Protein backbone atom coordinates (compact mmCIF):
# COMPACT_ATOMS: atom_id res chain seq x y z
CA MET A 1 -36.45 55.59 43.14
CA ASN A 2 -39.27 53.10 42.32
CA SER A 3 -37.29 50.37 44.07
CA ASP A 4 -37.17 52.45 47.23
CA ILE A 5 -40.90 53.04 47.05
CA GLN A 6 -41.58 49.29 46.77
CA MET A 7 -39.28 48.54 49.68
CA ASN A 8 -41.04 51.06 51.90
CA ASN A 9 -44.53 50.12 50.75
CA PRO A 10 -46.28 48.43 53.72
CA GLU A 11 -49.03 47.07 51.43
CA ARG A 12 -46.80 44.91 49.15
CA ASP A 13 -47.94 41.29 48.49
CA ILE A 14 -45.58 38.55 49.71
CA TYR A 15 -45.98 34.90 48.54
CA ALA A 16 -44.42 31.86 50.07
CA LEU A 17 -42.67 29.59 47.58
CA SER A 18 -44.97 26.76 48.51
CA ASP A 19 -47.96 28.99 47.81
CA ILE A 20 -46.69 29.59 44.27
CA ALA A 21 -46.01 25.85 43.83
CA ASN A 22 -49.51 24.97 44.99
CA LEU A 23 -50.97 27.62 42.69
CA VAL A 24 -49.06 26.19 39.71
CA ARG A 25 -50.15 22.64 40.63
CA SER A 26 -53.82 23.60 40.96
CA THR A 27 -53.66 25.52 37.69
CA ILE A 28 -52.21 22.53 35.84
CA GLN A 29 -54.66 20.13 37.44
CA ASN A 30 -57.62 22.35 36.52
CA THR A 31 -56.32 22.93 32.98
CA PHE A 32 -55.28 19.35 32.20
CA ARG A 33 -57.95 17.32 33.96
CA LYS A 34 -57.76 14.46 31.43
CA PRO A 35 -54.79 12.63 29.91
CA ILE A 36 -53.34 14.45 26.90
CA TRP A 37 -51.66 13.29 23.69
CA VAL A 38 -48.08 14.49 23.30
CA LYS A 39 -45.50 14.08 20.49
CA ALA A 40 -41.83 14.21 21.57
CA GLU A 41 -38.41 12.67 21.09
CA ILE A 42 -36.80 10.52 23.78
CA SER A 43 -33.42 12.11 24.59
CA GLU A 44 -32.71 9.97 27.66
CA TRP A 45 -34.00 6.54 28.73
CA LYS A 46 -33.22 4.89 32.04
CA ALA A 47 -34.64 1.84 33.78
CA GLY A 48 -35.14 2.41 37.48
CA GLN A 49 -35.83 0.16 40.45
CA ARG A 50 -38.98 -1.91 40.79
CA GLY A 51 -39.71 -1.82 37.06
CA HIS A 52 -40.10 1.97 36.70
CA TYR A 53 -38.65 3.86 33.69
CA TYR A 54 -37.47 7.48 33.63
CA LEU A 55 -37.28 9.52 30.43
CA GLN A 56 -36.17 12.93 29.25
CA LEU A 57 -38.36 14.26 26.41
CA VAL A 58 -37.42 17.04 24.01
CA ASP A 59 -39.02 18.93 21.18
CA LYS A 60 -36.61 20.03 18.44
CA GLN A 61 -36.84 22.40 15.51
CA TYR A 62 -34.01 22.24 12.95
CA GLY A 63 -31.95 20.30 15.48
CA ILE A 64 -32.38 22.91 18.27
CA VAL A 65 -34.11 21.92 21.51
CA GLU A 66 -37.09 24.20 22.10
CA ALA A 67 -38.69 22.36 25.04
CA GLN A 68 -37.68 19.72 27.54
CA PHE A 69 -39.74 17.67 30.03
CA LYS A 70 -39.18 14.85 32.45
CA ALA A 71 -41.40 11.80 32.06
CA MET A 72 -41.81 8.45 33.70
CA ILE A 73 -43.55 5.13 33.07
CA TRP A 74 -44.60 3.51 36.30
CA ALA A 75 -44.10 -0.24 36.54
CA SER A 76 -47.84 -0.94 36.42
CA PHE A 77 -48.05 0.69 32.99
CA ALA A 78 -44.59 -0.41 31.77
CA GLN A 79 -45.41 -4.10 32.05
CA ARG A 80 -48.24 -3.60 29.59
CA ILE A 81 -47.42 -0.79 27.16
CA ILE A 82 -43.69 -1.41 26.51
CA PRO A 83 -43.96 -5.05 25.27
CA TYR A 84 -47.01 -4.12 23.17
CA PHE A 85 -45.21 -1.17 21.59
CA GLU A 86 -42.04 -3.09 20.76
CA ALA A 87 -43.95 -6.09 19.35
CA THR A 88 -46.18 -3.90 17.19
CA ALA A 89 -43.63 -1.31 16.05
CA GLY A 90 -40.82 -3.86 15.64
CA GLN A 91 -38.59 -1.31 17.33
CA ARG A 92 -37.04 -1.17 20.79
CA LEU A 93 -38.17 1.78 22.90
CA THR A 94 -34.95 3.76 23.31
CA LYS A 95 -33.48 7.24 23.06
CA GLY A 96 -33.55 8.98 19.72
CA LEU A 97 -37.03 7.64 18.98
CA THR A 98 -39.95 9.99 18.30
CA ILE A 99 -43.14 8.77 19.99
CA LEU A 100 -46.79 9.79 20.30
CA PHE A 101 -48.03 8.98 23.77
CA GLN A 102 -50.95 9.63 26.11
CA GLY A 103 -50.06 10.84 29.58
CA VAL A 104 -51.01 12.87 32.61
CA LEU A 105 -49.30 16.22 33.17
CA THR A 106 -48.39 16.64 36.85
CA TYR A 107 -46.56 19.16 38.96
CA HIS A 108 -44.79 18.38 42.24
CA PRO A 109 -43.63 21.25 44.48
CA ILE A 110 -40.23 19.58 44.91
CA PHE A 111 -39.68 17.48 41.77
CA GLY A 112 -41.22 19.95 39.35
CA LEU A 113 -43.19 19.42 36.15
CA SER A 114 -43.38 15.93 34.59
CA ILE A 115 -45.55 13.67 32.49
CA GLN A 116 -46.73 10.23 33.55
CA ILE A 117 -46.91 8.13 30.35
CA GLN A 118 -49.85 5.71 30.23
CA TYR A 119 -49.91 4.60 26.56
CA ILE A 120 -47.61 4.84 23.50
CA ASP A 121 -49.01 4.66 19.97
CA PRO A 122 -46.83 2.22 17.96
CA GLU A 123 -48.48 3.13 14.65
CA TYR A 124 -47.23 6.70 14.91
CA THR A 125 -43.67 5.55 15.57
CA ILE A 126 -43.85 3.16 12.63
CA GLY A 127 -44.83 6.08 10.44
CA GLU A 128 -42.07 8.26 11.87
CA LEU A 129 -39.46 5.54 11.31
CA ALA A 130 -40.69 5.13 7.74
CA LYS A 131 -40.39 8.89 7.24
CA GLU A 132 -36.88 8.92 8.68
CA LYS A 133 -35.89 5.98 6.48
CA ALA A 134 -37.36 7.67 3.40
CA ALA A 135 -35.59 10.93 4.30
CA THR A 136 -32.26 9.10 4.60
CA ILE A 137 -32.80 7.40 1.23
CA ASN A 138 -33.69 10.72 -0.43
CA THR A 139 -30.60 12.37 1.07
CA LEU A 140 -28.32 9.62 -0.24
CA ARG A 141 -29.89 9.88 -3.70
CA ARG A 142 -29.69 13.68 -3.71
CA GLU A 143 -26.00 13.59 -2.72
CA GLY A 144 -25.26 11.06 -5.48
CA LEU A 145 -24.22 8.36 -2.99
CA TRP A 146 -26.99 5.80 -3.52
CA ASP A 147 -25.19 3.66 -6.15
CA GLN A 148 -21.62 4.44 -5.10
CA ASN A 149 -20.80 1.17 -3.31
CA ARG A 150 -22.96 -1.00 -5.55
CA GLU A 151 -20.83 0.18 -8.49
CA LEU A 152 -17.78 -1.50 -6.92
CA ALA A 153 -17.32 -5.01 -8.26
CA VAL A 154 -16.57 -7.82 -5.84
CA PRO A 155 -13.32 -9.53 -6.95
CA ILE A 156 -13.71 -12.82 -8.84
CA VAL A 157 -12.08 -14.67 -5.96
CA PRO A 158 -12.83 -12.73 -2.70
CA GLN A 159 -10.41 -14.50 -0.35
CA ARG A 160 -9.30 -11.63 1.95
CA LEU A 161 -12.29 -10.43 3.97
CA ALA A 162 -12.50 -7.58 6.47
CA VAL A 163 -15.37 -8.74 8.68
CA ILE A 164 -17.27 -6.32 10.94
CA SER A 165 -19.07 -8.30 13.63
CA ALA A 166 -19.40 -8.99 17.34
CA PRO A 167 -16.86 -11.60 18.54
CA GLY A 168 -18.38 -14.82 19.75
CA SER A 169 -21.76 -14.13 18.14
CA LYS A 170 -23.71 -16.93 16.53
CA GLY A 171 -23.88 -15.02 13.25
CA LEU A 172 -20.07 -14.78 13.06
CA SER A 173 -19.76 -18.46 14.00
CA ASP A 174 -22.20 -19.50 11.24
CA PHE A 175 -20.38 -17.29 8.74
CA GLU A 176 -16.91 -18.70 9.48
CA LYS A 177 -18.18 -22.30 9.67
CA THR A 178 -19.85 -22.00 6.25
CA LEU A 179 -16.68 -20.56 4.73
CA LYS A 180 -14.67 -23.55 5.99
CA THR A 181 -17.15 -26.20 4.84
CA GLN A 182 -18.39 -24.70 1.57
CA CYS A 183 -15.29 -23.05 0.10
CA ILE A 184 -13.71 -26.25 -1.18
CA GLY A 185 -10.45 -25.84 -3.07
CA ALA A 186 -9.67 -22.34 -1.75
CA SER A 187 -8.88 -20.81 1.64
CA VAL A 188 -10.58 -17.60 2.79
CA HIS A 189 -8.73 -15.36 5.24
CA VAL A 190 -10.96 -13.46 7.71
CA THR A 191 -9.76 -10.37 9.63
CA LEU A 192 -12.25 -9.49 12.37
CA PHE A 193 -12.94 -5.84 13.22
CA THR A 194 -14.75 -6.07 16.55
CA SER A 195 -17.92 -3.97 16.70
CA ILE A 196 -21.10 -3.52 18.70
CA MET A 197 -23.89 -4.69 16.38
CA GLN A 198 -26.98 -3.43 18.23
CA GLY A 199 -27.98 -0.81 20.77
CA ASP A 200 -27.19 2.85 21.27
CA ASN A 201 -23.46 2.62 20.43
CA ALA A 202 -23.75 0.28 17.45
CA GLU A 203 -23.77 2.97 14.77
CA GLN A 204 -20.56 4.68 15.95
CA SER A 205 -18.85 1.33 16.62
CA ILE A 206 -19.45 0.15 13.03
CA ILE A 207 -18.32 3.54 11.66
CA ASP A 208 -15.09 3.21 13.68
CA SER A 209 -14.49 -0.26 12.22
CA LEU A 210 -14.98 1.04 8.66
CA SER A 211 -12.47 3.81 9.43
CA ARG A 212 -9.90 1.26 10.65
CA ILE A 213 -10.32 -0.76 7.45
CA GLU A 214 -9.78 2.38 5.35
CA ILE A 215 -6.30 2.84 6.87
CA ASP A 216 -5.01 0.22 4.40
CA PRO A 217 -7.83 -1.15 2.20
CA SER A 218 -5.29 -2.82 -0.13
CA LYS A 219 -5.02 -5.68 2.40
CA PHE A 220 -8.59 -6.82 1.65
CA ASP A 221 -10.82 -7.82 -1.26
CA ALA A 222 -14.17 -6.92 0.35
CA ILE A 223 -15.90 -5.88 3.58
CA ALA A 224 -18.48 -8.20 5.20
CA ILE A 225 -20.93 -6.80 7.80
CA ILE A 226 -22.17 -9.81 9.77
CA ARG A 227 -24.87 -9.85 12.43
CA GLY A 228 -26.76 -12.86 13.73
CA GLY A 229 -30.49 -13.18 14.03
CA GLY A 230 -32.39 -10.97 16.44
CA ALA A 231 -35.33 -8.66 16.83
CA GLU A 232 -36.00 -6.22 14.03
CA MET A 233 -36.14 -3.45 16.60
CA ASP A 234 -32.34 -3.78 16.94
CA LEU A 235 -31.68 -2.90 13.29
CA LYS A 236 -32.33 0.85 13.47
CA CYS A 237 -28.60 1.67 13.44
CA PHE A 238 -28.38 0.26 9.89
CA ASP A 239 -30.81 2.97 8.72
CA GLU A 240 -28.90 5.89 10.24
CA LEU A 241 -27.60 8.47 7.77
CA ALA A 242 -24.08 8.74 9.24
CA LEU A 243 -23.45 4.99 8.96
CA CYS A 244 -24.93 4.85 5.46
CA ARG A 245 -22.69 7.70 4.30
CA LYS A 246 -19.64 5.93 5.74
CA LEU A 247 -20.61 2.65 4.07
CA VAL A 248 -21.09 4.08 0.56
CA ASP A 249 -17.80 5.96 0.92
CA ALA A 250 -15.86 2.71 1.53
CA SER A 251 -13.06 1.91 -0.90
CA LEU A 252 -14.06 -1.76 -0.99
CA PRO A 253 -17.34 -3.47 -1.98
CA VAL A 254 -19.51 -4.27 1.05
CA ILE A 255 -21.32 -7.59 1.57
CA THR A 256 -24.11 -7.54 4.18
CA GLY A 257 -25.44 -10.54 6.09
CA ILE A 258 -27.35 -8.86 8.91
CA GLY A 259 -29.55 -11.81 9.84
CA HIS A 260 -33.10 -10.82 8.93
CA THR A 261 -35.34 -11.90 6.09
CA ASP A 262 -38.50 -9.76 6.24
CA ASP A 263 -37.22 -6.19 5.98
CA GLU A 264 -34.19 -4.68 4.32
CA THR A 265 -32.21 -1.95 6.02
CA ILE A 266 -30.79 0.95 4.06
CA CYS A 267 -27.31 -0.54 4.49
CA ASP A 268 -28.60 -3.65 2.70
CA LEU A 269 -29.95 -1.54 -0.16
CA ILE A 270 -26.75 0.44 -0.75
CA ALA A 271 -24.25 -2.41 -0.26
CA ALA A 272 -22.57 -3.98 -3.27
CA VAL A 273 -24.00 -7.39 -2.28
CA HIS A 274 -26.89 -8.10 0.12
CA ARG A 275 -27.73 -11.47 1.62
CA SER A 276 -30.34 -12.11 4.31
CA THR A 277 -28.24 -14.06 6.80
CA PRO A 278 -24.55 -14.57 7.66
CA THR A 279 -24.77 -18.10 6.26
CA ASP A 280 -26.18 -16.80 2.97
CA ALA A 281 -23.38 -14.20 2.80
CA ALA A 282 -20.77 -16.93 3.27
CA ILE A 283 -22.49 -19.13 0.66
CA TYR A 284 -22.40 -16.21 -1.81
CA ILE A 285 -18.64 -15.86 -1.30
CA CYS A 286 -18.09 -19.61 -1.64
CA ASP A 287 -20.31 -19.74 -4.74
CA GLU A 288 -18.21 -17.00 -6.36
CA ILE A 289 -15.00 -18.88 -5.60
CA THR A 290 -16.51 -22.23 -6.72
CA ALA A 291 -17.80 -20.67 -9.93
CA PHE A 292 -14.34 -19.33 -10.68
CA LEU A 293 -12.71 -22.68 -9.95
CA THR A 294 -15.32 -24.39 -12.16
CA ARG A 295 -14.60 -21.96 -14.98
CA LEU A 296 -10.91 -22.55 -14.40
CA ASN A 297 -11.34 -26.34 -14.57
CA ASP A 298 -13.53 -26.05 -17.67
CA ALA A 299 -10.96 -23.81 -19.27
CA GLU A 300 -8.23 -26.30 -18.36
CA LYS A 301 -10.19 -29.16 -19.95
CA HIS A 302 -10.95 -27.07 -23.02
CA ILE A 303 -7.31 -26.08 -23.39
CA SER A 304 -6.29 -29.72 -22.95
CA GLN A 305 -8.72 -30.83 -25.66
CA ILE A 306 -7.53 -28.11 -28.02
CA ALA A 307 -3.91 -28.99 -27.27
CA THR A 308 -4.51 -32.72 -27.90
CA THR A 309 -6.29 -32.02 -31.20
CA SER A 310 -3.56 -29.62 -32.23
CA ILE A 311 -0.83 -32.12 -31.32
CA ASN A 312 -2.52 -34.91 -33.32
CA SER A 313 -3.03 -32.63 -36.31
CA THR A 314 0.55 -31.41 -36.11
CA HIS A 315 1.85 -35.00 -35.84
CA ILE A 316 0.06 -35.94 -39.06
CA LYS A 317 1.44 -32.87 -40.81
CA LEU A 318 4.93 -33.67 -39.53
CA MET A 319 4.70 -37.22 -40.88
CA GLU A 320 3.64 -35.91 -44.29
CA LEU A 321 6.40 -33.33 -44.19
CA GLN A 322 8.91 -36.04 -43.24
CA HIS A 323 7.98 -38.12 -46.30
CA ARG A 324 8.23 -35.07 -48.54
CA VAL A 325 11.63 -34.15 -47.09
CA GLU A 326 12.91 -37.72 -47.52
CA ARG A 327 11.85 -37.77 -51.17
CA SER A 328 13.34 -34.37 -51.78
CA VAL A 329 16.62 -35.28 -50.01
CA ASN A 330 16.98 -38.57 -51.93
CA GLY A 331 16.47 -36.75 -55.23
CA GLU A 332 18.99 -34.10 -54.24
CA ILE A 333 21.52 -36.77 -53.25
CA ARG A 334 21.23 -38.49 -56.65
CA TYR A 335 21.61 -35.18 -58.44
CA GLN A 336 24.67 -34.22 -56.35
CA LYS A 337 26.27 -37.64 -56.94
CA GLN A 338 25.96 -37.12 -60.68
CA ARG A 339 27.47 -33.65 -60.37
CA ILE A 340 30.33 -34.96 -58.21
CA SER A 341 31.07 -37.70 -60.72
CA GLY A 342 31.22 -35.17 -63.58
CA LEU A 343 33.33 -32.80 -61.51
CA SER A 344 35.70 -35.63 -60.58
CA LYS A 345 36.42 -36.34 -64.21
CA THR A 346 36.86 -32.65 -64.96
CA ILE A 347 39.16 -32.18 -61.94
CA THR A 348 41.27 -35.18 -62.97
CA SER A 349 41.92 -33.87 -66.47
CA GLU A 350 42.45 -30.34 -65.25
CA SER A 351 44.84 -31.57 -62.54
CA VAL A 352 47.05 -33.34 -65.06
CA TYR A 353 47.30 -30.16 -67.12
CA VAL A 354 48.02 -28.02 -64.08
CA ILE A 355 50.69 -30.41 -62.81
CA ARG A 356 52.49 -30.39 -66.11
CA THR A 357 52.38 -26.62 -66.38
CA SER A 358 53.51 -26.17 -62.77
CA THR A 359 56.43 -28.58 -63.27
CA LYS A 360 57.77 -26.47 -66.12
CA GLN A 361 57.38 -23.28 -64.11
CA LEU A 362 59.20 -24.82 -61.13
CA GLU A 363 62.14 -25.84 -63.35
CA LEU A 364 62.47 -22.28 -64.70
CA LEU A 365 62.20 -20.84 -61.16
CA GLN A 366 64.87 -23.23 -59.90
CA THR A 367 67.33 -22.10 -62.59
CA SER A 368 66.60 -18.43 -61.80
CA LEU A 369 67.15 -18.96 -58.04
CA ILE A 370 70.49 -20.67 -58.61
CA ASN A 371 71.75 -17.76 -60.70
CA ARG A 372 70.58 -15.11 -58.23
CA SER A 373 72.14 -17.02 -55.33
CA LYS A 374 75.54 -17.03 -57.00
CA ASP A 375 75.38 -13.24 -57.51
CA ILE A 376 74.44 -12.60 -53.87
CA ILE A 377 77.21 -14.85 -52.54
CA LEU A 378 79.78 -13.01 -54.67
CA LYS A 379 78.66 -9.60 -53.36
CA GLN A 380 78.75 -10.80 -49.72
CA GLU A 381 82.31 -12.09 -50.15
CA ASN A 382 83.48 -8.64 -51.35
CA THR A 383 81.72 -6.92 -48.45
CA THR A 384 83.22 -9.27 -45.87
CA ILE A 385 86.79 -8.41 -47.00
CA LEU A 386 86.27 -4.65 -46.43
CA GLN A 387 84.17 -4.91 -43.22
CA PRO A 388 86.96 -5.42 -40.50
CA ALA A 389 88.82 -2.22 -41.45
CA PHE A 390 85.59 -0.22 -41.34
CA ILE A 391 84.61 -1.63 -37.92
CA HIS A 392 88.08 -0.88 -36.41
CA LYS A 393 88.06 2.74 -37.61
CA THR A 394 84.54 3.30 -36.26
CA ALA A 395 85.41 1.78 -32.84
CA LEU A 396 88.44 4.09 -32.41
CA LYS A 397 86.34 7.12 -33.17
CA ILE A 398 83.62 6.14 -30.63
CA THR A 399 86.26 5.40 -27.92
CA GLU A 400 87.82 8.83 -28.41
CA GLN A 401 84.43 10.57 -28.08
CA ILE A 402 83.65 8.68 -24.84
CA SER A 403 87.06 9.56 -23.30
CA ASN A 404 86.61 13.25 -24.07
CA ASN A 405 83.11 13.20 -22.53
CA LEU A 406 84.40 11.53 -19.33
CA LEU A 407 87.15 14.19 -18.92
CA TYR A 408 84.52 16.93 -19.27
CA GLN A 409 82.25 15.33 -16.69
CA GLU A 410 85.19 14.98 -14.27
CA LYS A 411 85.92 18.70 -14.50
CA ILE A 412 82.31 19.59 -13.77
CA VAL A 413 82.25 17.25 -10.74
CA ASN A 414 85.42 18.85 -9.32
CA LEU A 415 83.99 22.31 -9.76
CA LEU A 416 80.79 21.35 -7.91
CA HIS A 417 82.58 19.58 -5.02
CA PRO A 418 81.66 21.21 -1.62
CA LYS A 419 85.33 21.79 -0.76
CA ASN A 420 85.80 23.96 -3.85
CA ILE A 421 82.58 25.84 -3.05
CA LEU A 422 83.71 26.43 0.60
CA LYS A 423 87.12 27.46 -0.68
CA ARG A 424 85.52 30.32 -2.61
CA GLY A 425 84.17 31.79 0.69
CA TYR A 426 80.80 30.00 0.96
CA SER A 427 79.67 28.09 4.08
CA ILE A 428 77.10 25.41 4.99
CA THR A 429 74.73 25.91 7.96
CA MET A 430 73.43 22.77 9.69
CA ALA A 431 70.65 22.36 12.27
CA ASN A 432 69.70 19.04 13.75
CA GLY A 433 71.90 17.30 11.19
CA LYS A 434 70.12 18.88 8.19
CA SER A 435 71.18 21.70 5.86
CA VAL A 436 69.41 25.00 6.48
CA THR A 437 68.21 26.60 3.25
CA ASP A 438 65.18 28.53 4.61
CA ILE A 439 64.93 30.88 7.63
CA ASN A 440 61.68 29.15 8.63
CA GLN A 441 63.59 25.89 9.26
CA VAL A 442 65.04 27.21 12.56
CA ASP A 443 63.65 29.10 15.53
CA GLU A 444 65.27 31.45 18.02
CA GLY A 445 67.33 29.66 20.66
CA VAL A 446 68.23 26.77 18.34
CA GLU A 447 71.90 25.74 18.10
CA ILE A 448 73.32 25.70 14.56
CA THR A 449 76.70 24.61 13.07
CA THR A 450 78.46 26.57 10.30
CA GLN A 451 80.89 24.52 8.12
CA LEU A 452 83.76 26.65 6.65
CA PHE A 453 86.54 25.61 4.26
CA LYS A 454 88.74 25.24 7.32
CA GLY A 455 86.88 24.39 10.54
CA LYS A 456 83.36 24.66 12.03
CA LEU A 457 81.50 27.33 14.05
CA THR A 458 78.73 26.59 16.60
CA SER A 459 76.14 29.37 17.20
CA ILE A 460 72.86 30.03 19.01
CA ILE A 461 70.05 31.82 17.06
CA THR A 462 69.12 35.00 18.98
CA LYS A 463 67.18 36.87 16.28
CA LYS A 464 65.73 36.19 12.89
């Protein structure tokens, strides 16, 4: 009803879109006559033609975007304020950075609302970066992660290294060259995990490399994060919470050589070993190996000295023992000779007695054997006279028993002969040349032969 009234109302106010745009522009120009200070986070950063820069600014609360504006830095301002900011703040102007800037709020009927940035306060950004760094450190401490990687001991001889670095970089070249020239007496094997070491994608690239190493950490002794020298503004990724969490969660001790000497990143602080440059990191590894080899050589010399002293001492003891054994053996030999001489005399006298006694016993035994032999011969002669008659009688008896048994077996064989069985009325059925004893041996239609006592019958099976 009200809608119909408005539609039919001849006095309704009608605005052209351009009128509204001009009204908004004049309102903004009257309200914001002077440049204003604005705090915002850069969500997008793009370099345009002719030295202009285009930004997207956001204001977040608890990670939720509550406002969003377009902004630009014209080339005339960019040539002055960007180098000053980066030199003072030690940080590259890029997305993800919170800045405090002075700018002019403008409204264009076609391009909409935007801010023209004329100055950026580097001191504010330095403070914000310090706050972010402190917040990351507090989070790691609160979650109990701060000392986690530093509690992992680097192996005594770290020879298998998983190196995270950019291929072809000077830092990697210095690192590998130092390993080859300084690690004398031991070879160090380097496995490169290619990563972006600066810029917007550096943090995720390094995290991905750590994840690839964790697939089989048993292949390596330690992880080395190597980055050559460069501007401090490129080190922000090493302060990011996600990368720090991934680093402290590594199964292997981490050695950092990120190529800066003035400031330490959070990754440096939480790593098991921190060195300022790739060369220093390589020297640390070589020093560890050299120290071990030195201890090994010292131990070898010490063992050799102990062994030589022990051998000399043992040789002297063996010589003394040899003299003692010789004296003891010579004394024992003299004693045993005396015993043998006494035993020889005793054995001689005893032997004469034994021989005499044995001779008498042998004479008595000989007489007894002669008498017993005569008795046995006489008995065998009597037995031999009677033996032929006994053998003949026994042979006749055995022959008779065998003959009777053969006659009995012959009768049984005759009774079991097939002719006698057929004669009693039985018959033999044959199929395919084999005797049929089971109905399942033949099928219907098969020809069979029946053997009778007199003659044969041939039949065809019609039914079973």
